[in-house]
Amino acid sequence: METKYYQPTFEDFIPGLEYEYFDGMKWTKKTYNSLSHRADGSMSLMHDLILRKERFRVKYLDKQDGIELGLSYLDYEEKDLLYYGFTKRVAAVDYVINIPVADFDSDIEIASDEGDVFIGRVKNKTELKRILKHIGLWEK
């Protein structure tokens, strides 16, 4: 499946955000942290975001992000698949995480045997990581 991107807003720039910056020649992967204020060495990141927003992009959450976050992928037949399914076992409880395949306006779902833990929109890997930390499913 083709990788999809969106143009970030100020609100997206939280510490740890993985984004790409176009320097006029190529896209370069970067990670935002509150101490790094410069995108290309010439002006502040936020000033650059206002004037050159087309030079920034963030990858929408996808299957590879779940794998990179250490979730176990449920290997379904991917034809006509609506969600990528993942599992995570923490303290003898199994959790299922469903990430929409192509509809970026759909909610992700995190549930255990006891019911839903989280349902909501998550646009990128950094947001999912923060939610996993918040609900106790991130161990690193």
N, C-alpha and C. Protein backbone atom coordinates (compact mmCIF):
# COMPACT_ATOMS: atom_id res chain seq x y z
N MET A 1 0.84 -1.18 0.00
CA MET A 1 0.00 0.00 0.00
C MET A 1 0.89 1.25 0.00
N GLU A 2 0.48 2.23 -0.73
CA GLU A 2 1.21 3.49 -0.84
C GLU A 2 1.17 4.27 0.48
N THR A 3 2.31 4.85 0.84
CA THR A 3 2.39 5.67 2.06
C THR A 3 1.66 6.98 1.83
N LYS A 4 0.84 7.37 2.80
CA LYS A 4 0.06 8.61 2.71
C LYS A 4 0.56 9.59 3.75
N TYR A 5 0.51 10.88 3.38
CA TYR A 5 0.99 11.95 4.25
C TYR A 5 -0.06 13.04 4.39
N TYR A 6 0.10 13.87 5.43
CA TYR A 6 -0.72 15.07 5.59
C TYR A 6 0.19 16.22 6.00
N GLN A 7 -0.28 17.44 5.80
CA GLN A 7 0.47 18.62 6.23
C GLN A 7 0.14 18.89 7.70
N PRO A 8 1.16 18.92 8.55
CA PRO A 8 0.91 19.12 9.98
C PRO A 8 0.54 20.56 10.30
N THR A 9 -0.10 20.74 11.45
CA THR A 9 -0.40 22.05 11.98
C THR A 9 0.45 22.26 13.23
N PHE A 10 0.36 23.43 13.83
CA PHE A 10 1.09 23.70 15.07
C PHE A 10 0.81 22.64 16.13
N GLU A 11 -0.46 22.24 16.23
CA GLU A 11 -0.87 21.30 17.26
C GLU A 11 -0.21 19.94 17.11
N ASP A 12 0.17 19.59 15.89
CA ASP A 12 0.82 18.30 15.66
C ASP A 12 2.25 18.27 16.21
N PHE A 13 2.87 19.43 16.35
CA PHE A 13 4.28 19.46 16.75
C PHE A 13 4.43 19.31 18.26
N ILE A 14 4.40 18.03 18.67
CA ILE A 14 4.66 17.68 20.06
C ILE A 14 6.01 16.97 20.10
N PRO A 15 6.70 17.01 21.22
CA PRO A 15 7.99 16.31 21.29
C PRO A 15 7.86 14.86 20.86
N GLY A 16 8.76 14.45 20.00
CA GLY A 16 8.76 13.08 19.48
C GLY A 16 8.09 12.93 18.13
N LEU A 17 7.42 13.98 17.63
CA LEU A 17 6.75 13.87 16.34
C LEU A 17 7.74 13.54 15.24
N GLU A 18 7.46 12.49 14.52
CA GLU A 18 8.26 12.13 13.35
C GLU A 18 7.63 12.81 12.14
N TYR A 19 8.41 13.62 11.46
CA TYR A 19 7.91 14.34 10.30
C TYR A 19 8.99 14.36 9.23
N GLU A 20 8.64 14.85 8.06
CA GLU A 20 9.61 14.99 6.97
C GLU A 20 9.62 16.44 6.53
N TYR A 21 10.81 16.91 6.18
CA TYR A 21 11.00 18.29 5.74
C TYR A 21 11.64 18.27 4.36
N PHE A 22 11.08 19.07 3.44
CA PHE A 22 11.61 19.16 2.09
C PHE A 22 12.52 20.38 2.01
N ASP A 23 13.80 20.17 1.72
CA ASP A 23 14.77 21.26 1.70
C ASP A 23 14.94 21.89 0.31
N GLY A 24 14.06 21.52 -0.60
CA GLY A 24 14.16 22.01 -1.97
C GLY A 24 14.73 20.97 -2.92
N MET A 25 15.39 19.97 -2.36
CA MET A 25 15.99 18.90 -3.16
C MET A 25 15.42 17.53 -2.80
N LYS A 26 15.26 17.28 -1.51
CA LYS A 26 14.81 15.95 -1.07
C LYS A 26 14.07 16.06 0.26
N TRP A 27 13.27 15.02 0.56
CA TRP A 27 12.58 14.90 1.84
C TRP A 27 13.54 14.27 2.85
N THR A 28 13.62 14.86 4.04
CA THR A 28 14.49 14.36 5.09
C THR A 28 13.65 14.06 6.33
N LYS A 29 13.84 12.86 6.90
CA LYS A 29 13.11 12.48 8.11
C LYS A 29 13.71 13.21 9.30
N LYS A 30 12.83 13.72 10.15
CA LYS A 30 13.25 14.44 11.35
C LYS A 30 12.33 14.06 12.50
N THR A 31 12.81 14.30 13.71
CA THR A 31 12.00 14.12 14.90
C THR A 31 12.01 15.43 15.66
N TYR A 32 10.83 15.96 15.92
CA TYR A 32 10.72 17.24 16.62
C TYR A 32 10.90 17.03 18.12
N ASN A 33 11.68 17.90 18.73
CA ASN A 33 11.71 17.97 20.19
C ASN A 33 11.72 19.43 20.58
N SER A 34 11.33 19.72 21.77
CA SER A 34 11.14 21.11 22.18
C SER A 34 12.43 21.91 22.16
N LEU A 35 13.58 21.25 22.08
CA LEU A 35 14.85 21.96 22.05
C LEU A 35 15.32 22.27 20.63
N SER A 36 14.74 21.58 19.64
CA SER A 36 15.15 21.83 18.25
C SER A 36 14.21 22.83 17.62
N HIS A 37 14.66 24.05 17.47
CA HIS A 37 13.80 25.12 16.97
C HIS A 37 14.02 25.41 15.49
N ARG A 38 14.96 24.79 14.85
CA ARG A 38 15.26 25.11 13.46
C ARG A 38 15.04 23.91 12.55
N ALA A 39 14.40 24.17 11.42
CA ALA A 39 14.14 23.10 10.45
C ALA A 39 15.28 23.03 9.44
N ASP A 40 15.72 24.16 8.93
CA ASP A 40 16.77 24.15 7.91
C ASP A 40 17.94 25.05 8.28
N GLY A 41 18.00 25.51 9.52
CA GLY A 41 19.11 26.33 9.95
C GLY A 41 18.96 27.81 9.67
N SER A 42 17.90 28.21 8.97
CA SER A 42 17.77 29.62 8.59
C SER A 42 16.66 30.36 9.33
N MET A 43 15.65 29.68 9.78
CA MET A 43 14.56 30.35 10.50
C MET A 43 13.92 29.37 11.47
N SER A 44 13.12 29.87 12.36
CA SER A 44 12.50 28.98 13.35
C SER A 44 11.54 28.01 12.67
N LEU A 45 11.37 26.87 13.29
CA LEU A 45 10.49 25.83 12.76
C LEU A 45 9.07 26.35 12.57
N MET A 46 8.53 27.04 13.56
CA MET A 46 7.16 27.52 13.46
C MET A 46 7.00 28.60 12.40
N HIS A 47 7.98 29.47 12.28
CA HIS A 47 7.95 30.49 11.23
C HIS A 47 7.99 29.80 9.86
N ASP A 48 8.84 28.80 9.73
CA ASP A 48 8.94 28.04 8.49
C ASP A 48 7.64 27.31 8.20
N LEU A 49 6.99 26.78 9.23
CA LEU A 49 5.72 26.07 9.05
C LEU A 49 4.65 27.00 8.49
N ILE A 50 4.64 28.26 8.95
CA ILE A 50 3.66 29.23 8.46
C ILE A 50 3.95 29.60 7.00
N LEU A 51 5.19 29.90 6.69
CA LEU A 51 5.54 30.39 5.35
C LEU A 51 5.69 29.29 4.32
N ARG A 52 6.08 28.12 4.76
CA ARG A 52 6.39 27.03 3.82
C ARG A 52 5.74 25.72 4.24
N LYS A 53 4.47 25.77 4.54
CA LYS A 53 3.81 24.58 5.06
C LYS A 53 3.89 23.38 4.11
N GLU A 54 4.01 23.64 2.81
CA GLU A 54 4.10 22.53 1.86
C GLU A 54 5.41 21.77 1.98
N ARG A 55 6.37 22.31 2.73
CA ARG A 55 7.66 21.64 2.92
C ARG A 55 7.64 20.64 4.08
N PHE A 56 6.52 20.57 4.79
CA PHE A 56 6.39 19.66 5.92
C PHE A 56 5.35 18.60 5.60
N ARG A 57 5.61 17.38 6.05
CA ARG A 57 4.60 16.34 5.94
C ARG A 57 4.81 15.32 7.05
N VAL A 58 3.70 14.68 7.44
CA VAL A 58 3.71 13.66 8.46
C VAL A 58 3.02 12.44 7.87
N LYS A 59 3.59 11.27 8.10
CA LYS A 59 3.02 10.04 7.58
C LYS A 59 1.82 9.62 8.43
N TYR A 60 0.72 9.32 7.74
CA TYR A 60 -0.44 8.78 8.44
C TYR A 60 -0.08 7.43 9.07
N LEU A 61 -0.73 7.11 10.15
CA LEU A 61 -0.54 5.85 10.85
C LEU A 61 -0.83 4.69 9.89
N ASP A 62 0.06 3.69 9.90
CA ASP A 62 -0.14 2.53 9.03
C ASP A 62 0.38 1.26 9.70
N LYS A 63 0.32 0.16 8.96
CA LYS A 63 0.72 -1.15 9.48
C LYS A 63 2.16 -1.15 9.96
N GLN A 64 3.06 -0.56 9.20
CA GLN A 64 4.47 -0.56 9.57
C GLN A 64 4.71 0.14 10.90
N ASP A 65 3.94 1.19 11.19
CA ASP A 65 4.07 1.90 12.47
C ASP A 65 3.73 0.98 13.63
N GLY A 66 2.66 0.22 13.50
CA GLY A 66 2.29 -0.73 14.55
C GLY A 66 3.39 -1.73 14.81
N ILE A 67 3.99 -2.24 13.74
CA ILE A 67 5.10 -3.20 13.87
C ILE A 67 6.30 -2.55 14.55
N GLU A 68 6.62 -1.31 14.13
CA GLU A 68 7.75 -0.59 14.72
C GLU A 68 7.53 -0.28 16.20
N LEU A 69 6.28 -0.17 16.62
CA LEU A 69 5.97 0.08 18.03
C LEU A 69 5.94 -1.21 18.85
N GLY A 70 6.27 -2.33 18.22
CA GLY A 70 6.36 -3.59 18.94
C GLY A 70 5.06 -4.33 19.12
N LEU A 71 4.04 -3.95 18.36
CA LEU A 71 2.77 -4.65 18.41
C LEU A 71 2.86 -5.89 17.53
N SER A 72 2.17 -6.95 17.91
CA SER A 72 2.16 -8.18 17.12
C SER A 72 1.07 -8.09 16.07
N TYR A 73 1.46 -8.23 14.81
CA TYR A 73 0.52 -8.10 13.70
C TYR A 73 -0.27 -9.39 13.54
N LEU A 74 -1.59 -9.27 13.43
CA LEU A 74 -2.45 -10.41 13.14
C LEU A 74 -2.51 -10.54 11.63
N ASP A 75 -1.95 -11.59 11.12
CA ASP A 75 -1.77 -11.74 9.68
C ASP A 75 -3.05 -12.20 9.00
N TYR A 76 -3.94 -11.24 8.75
CA TYR A 76 -5.20 -11.50 8.05
C TYR A 76 -4.95 -11.50 6.55
N GLU A 77 -5.88 -12.05 5.81
CA GLU A 77 -5.91 -11.88 4.36
C GLU A 77 -6.17 -10.39 4.11
N GLU A 78 -5.26 -9.71 3.43
CA GLU A 78 -5.36 -8.25 3.32
C GLU A 78 -6.27 -7.75 2.21
N LYS A 79 -6.83 -8.62 1.41
CA LYS A 79 -7.76 -8.17 0.38
C LYS A 79 -9.05 -7.69 1.04
N ASP A 80 -9.47 -6.49 0.69
CA ASP A 80 -10.68 -5.87 1.24
C ASP A 80 -10.63 -5.68 2.76
N LEU A 81 -9.44 -5.60 3.32
CA LEU A 81 -9.27 -5.41 4.75
C LEU A 81 -9.60 -3.98 5.15
N LEU A 82 -10.40 -3.81 6.20
CA LEU A 82 -10.76 -2.48 6.69
C LEU A 82 -9.84 -1.99 7.79
N TYR A 83 -9.31 -2.93 8.61
CA TYR A 83 -8.43 -2.60 9.72
C TYR A 83 -7.22 -3.52 9.72
N TYR A 84 -6.07 -2.97 10.12
CA TYR A 84 -4.92 -3.81 10.45
C TYR A 84 -5.10 -4.20 11.91
N GLY A 85 -5.01 -5.47 12.21
CA GLY A 85 -5.18 -5.93 13.58
C GLY A 85 -3.84 -6.23 14.22
N PHE A 86 -3.69 -5.79 15.46
CA PHE A 86 -2.48 -6.04 16.24
C PHE A 86 -2.88 -6.53 17.62
N THR A 87 -1.97 -7.20 18.29
CA THR A 87 -2.18 -7.59 19.68
C THR A 87 -1.01 -7.13 20.52
N LYS A 88 -1.29 -6.99 21.80
CA LYS A 88 -0.25 -6.64 22.78
C LYS A 88 -0.66 -7.30 24.09
N ARG A 89 0.25 -8.05 24.70
CA ARG A 89 -0.03 -8.72 25.98
C ARG A 89 0.71 -7.97 27.08
N VAL A 90 -0.03 -7.52 28.07
CA VAL A 90 0.54 -6.81 29.21
C VAL A 90 -0.10 -7.36 30.47
N ALA A 91 0.73 -7.80 31.41
CA ALA A 91 0.25 -8.30 32.71
C ALA A 91 -0.87 -9.33 32.54
N ALA A 92 -0.65 -10.32 31.69
CA ALA A 92 -1.58 -11.43 31.45
C ALA A 92 -2.91 -11.00 30.85
N VAL A 93 -2.96 -9.80 30.27
CA VAL A 93 -4.16 -9.33 29.59
C VAL A 93 -3.82 -9.10 28.12
N ASP A 94 -4.63 -9.66 27.24
CA ASP A 94 -4.44 -9.47 25.81
C ASP A 94 -5.26 -8.28 25.34
N TYR A 95 -4.61 -7.42 24.58
CA TYR A 95 -5.26 -6.25 24.00
C TYR A 95 -5.24 -6.39 22.48
N VAL A 96 -6.30 -5.92 21.84
CA VAL A 96 -6.37 -5.89 20.38
C VAL A 96 -6.41 -4.43 19.95
N ILE A 97 -5.55 -4.09 18.99
CA ILE A 97 -5.49 -2.73 18.47
C ILE A 97 -5.83 -2.81 16.98
N ASN A 98 -6.89 -2.11 16.56
CA ASN A 98 -7.31 -2.09 15.16
C ASN A 98 -7.05 -0.71 14.58
N ILE A 99 -6.25 -0.68 13.52
CA ILE A 99 -5.89 0.57 12.84
C ILE A 99 -6.52 0.57 11.45
N PRO A 100 -7.28 1.61 11.11
CA PRO A 100 -7.91 1.65 9.78
C PRO A 100 -6.88 1.54 8.66
N VAL A 101 -7.22 0.79 7.61
CA VAL A 101 -6.31 0.58 6.50
C VAL A 101 -6.20 1.81 5.61
N ALA A 102 -7.30 2.37 5.18
CA ALA A 102 -7.22 3.46 4.21
C ALA A 102 -8.06 4.68 4.56
N ASP A 103 -8.97 4.55 5.49
CA ASP A 103 -9.85 5.66 5.86
C ASP A 103 -9.26 6.40 7.05
N PHE A 104 -8.53 7.47 6.78
CA PHE A 104 -7.80 8.17 7.83
C PHE A 104 -8.71 8.97 8.75
N ASP A 105 -10.00 9.04 8.43
CA ASP A 105 -10.96 9.71 9.30
C ASP A 105 -11.67 8.72 10.22
N SER A 106 -11.32 7.45 10.13
CA SER A 106 -11.92 6.44 11.00
C SER A 106 -11.15 6.35 12.32
N ASP A 107 -11.83 5.88 13.34
CA ASP A 107 -11.21 5.72 14.65
C ASP A 107 -10.39 4.44 14.73
N ILE A 108 -9.32 4.49 15.55
CA ILE A 108 -8.66 3.24 15.91
C ILE A 108 -9.38 2.72 17.14
N GLU A 109 -9.25 1.44 17.37
CA GLU A 109 -9.90 0.80 18.51
C GLU A 109 -8.88 0.00 19.29
N ILE A 110 -8.88 0.16 20.61
CA ILE A 110 -8.03 -0.64 21.48
C ILE A 110 -8.97 -1.27 22.50
N ALA A 111 -8.94 -2.60 22.60
CA ALA A 111 -9.87 -3.30 23.49
C ALA A 111 -9.18 -4.49 24.13
N SER A 112 -9.72 -4.88 25.28
CA SER A 112 -9.29 -6.10 25.96
C SER A 112 -10.51 -6.99 26.11
N ASP A 113 -10.34 -8.12 26.79
CA ASP A 113 -11.49 -9.00 27.04
C ASP A 113 -12.56 -8.30 27.87
N GLU A 114 -12.15 -7.29 28.62
CA GLU A 114 -13.09 -6.57 29.50
C GLU A 114 -13.84 -5.46 28.79
N GLY A 115 -13.48 -5.15 27.54
CA GLY A 115 -14.18 -4.12 26.79
C GLY A 115 -13.24 -3.11 26.15
N ASP A 116 -13.82 -2.06 25.63
CA ASP A 116 -13.03 -1.02 24.96
C ASP A 116 -12.17 -0.26 25.95
N VAL A 117 -10.93 0.01 25.54
CA VAL A 117 -10.00 0.79 26.34
C VAL A 117 -9.85 2.18 25.73
N PHE A 118 -9.86 2.23 24.40
CA PHE A 118 -9.74 3.51 23.70
C PHE A 118 -10.40 3.39 22.33
N ILE A 119 -11.16 4.40 21.96
CA ILE A 119 -11.68 4.53 20.60
C ILE A 119 -11.53 6.01 20.26
N GLY A 120 -10.84 6.28 19.16
CA GLY A 120 -10.65 7.67 18.76
C GLY A 120 -9.74 7.80 17.57
N ARG A 121 -9.64 9.02 17.07
CA ARG A 121 -8.80 9.29 15.90
C ARG A 121 -7.34 9.43 16.31
N VAL A 122 -6.50 8.74 15.58
CA VAL A 122 -5.06 8.81 15.79
C VAL A 122 -4.45 8.94 14.40
N LYS A 123 -3.80 10.07 14.13
CA LYS A 123 -3.31 10.32 12.77
C LYS A 123 -1.93 9.76 12.50
N ASN A 124 -1.08 9.65 13.55
CA ASN A 124 0.30 9.27 13.26
C ASN A 124 0.89 8.40 14.37
N LYS A 125 2.06 7.88 14.12
CA LYS A 125 2.75 6.97 15.03
C LYS A 125 3.01 7.62 16.39
N THR A 126 3.39 8.88 16.40
CA THR A 126 3.68 9.58 17.66
C THR A 126 2.45 9.65 18.54
N GLU A 127 1.28 9.94 17.96
CA GLU A 127 0.04 9.99 18.73
C GLU A 127 -0.30 8.62 19.30
N LEU A 128 -0.14 7.57 18.49
CA LEU A 128 -0.44 6.22 18.99
C LEU A 128 0.49 5.86 20.14
N LYS A 129 1.75 6.18 20.01
CA LYS A 129 2.72 5.89 21.08
C LYS A 129 2.31 6.59 22.38
N ARG A 130 1.88 7.84 22.30
CA ARG A 130 1.45 8.58 23.50
C ARG A 130 0.22 7.93 24.13
N ILE A 131 -0.72 7.47 23.31
CA ILE A 131 -1.91 6.81 23.84
C ILE A 131 -1.55 5.48 24.49
N LEU A 132 -0.68 4.72 23.84
CA LEU A 132 -0.24 3.45 24.42
C LEU A 132 0.44 3.68 25.77
N LYS A 133 1.24 4.73 25.88
CA LYS A 133 1.87 5.07 27.17
C LYS A 133 0.80 5.42 28.20
N HIS A 134 -0.15 6.24 27.80
CA HIS A 134 -1.20 6.71 28.71
C HIS A 134 -2.03 5.58 29.29
N ILE A 135 -2.33 4.57 28.48
CA ILE A 135 -3.17 3.47 28.97
C ILE A 135 -2.35 2.28 29.47
N GLY A 136 -1.02 2.47 29.53
CA GLY A 136 -0.16 1.44 30.13
C GLY A 136 0.26 0.31 29.22
N LEU A 137 0.21 0.52 27.91
CA LEU A 137 0.61 -0.52 26.97
C LEU A 137 1.98 -0.27 26.33
N TRP A 138 2.66 0.76 26.77
CA TRP A 138 3.98 1.06 26.22
C TRP A 138 4.99 0.85 27.34
N GLU A 139 5.97 -0.02 27.07
CA GLU A 139 6.91 -0.42 28.11
C GLU A 139 8.28 0.22 28.01
N LYS A 140 8.57 0.90 26.92
CA LYS A 140 9.94 1.41 26.71
C LYS A 140 10.14 2.75 27.34
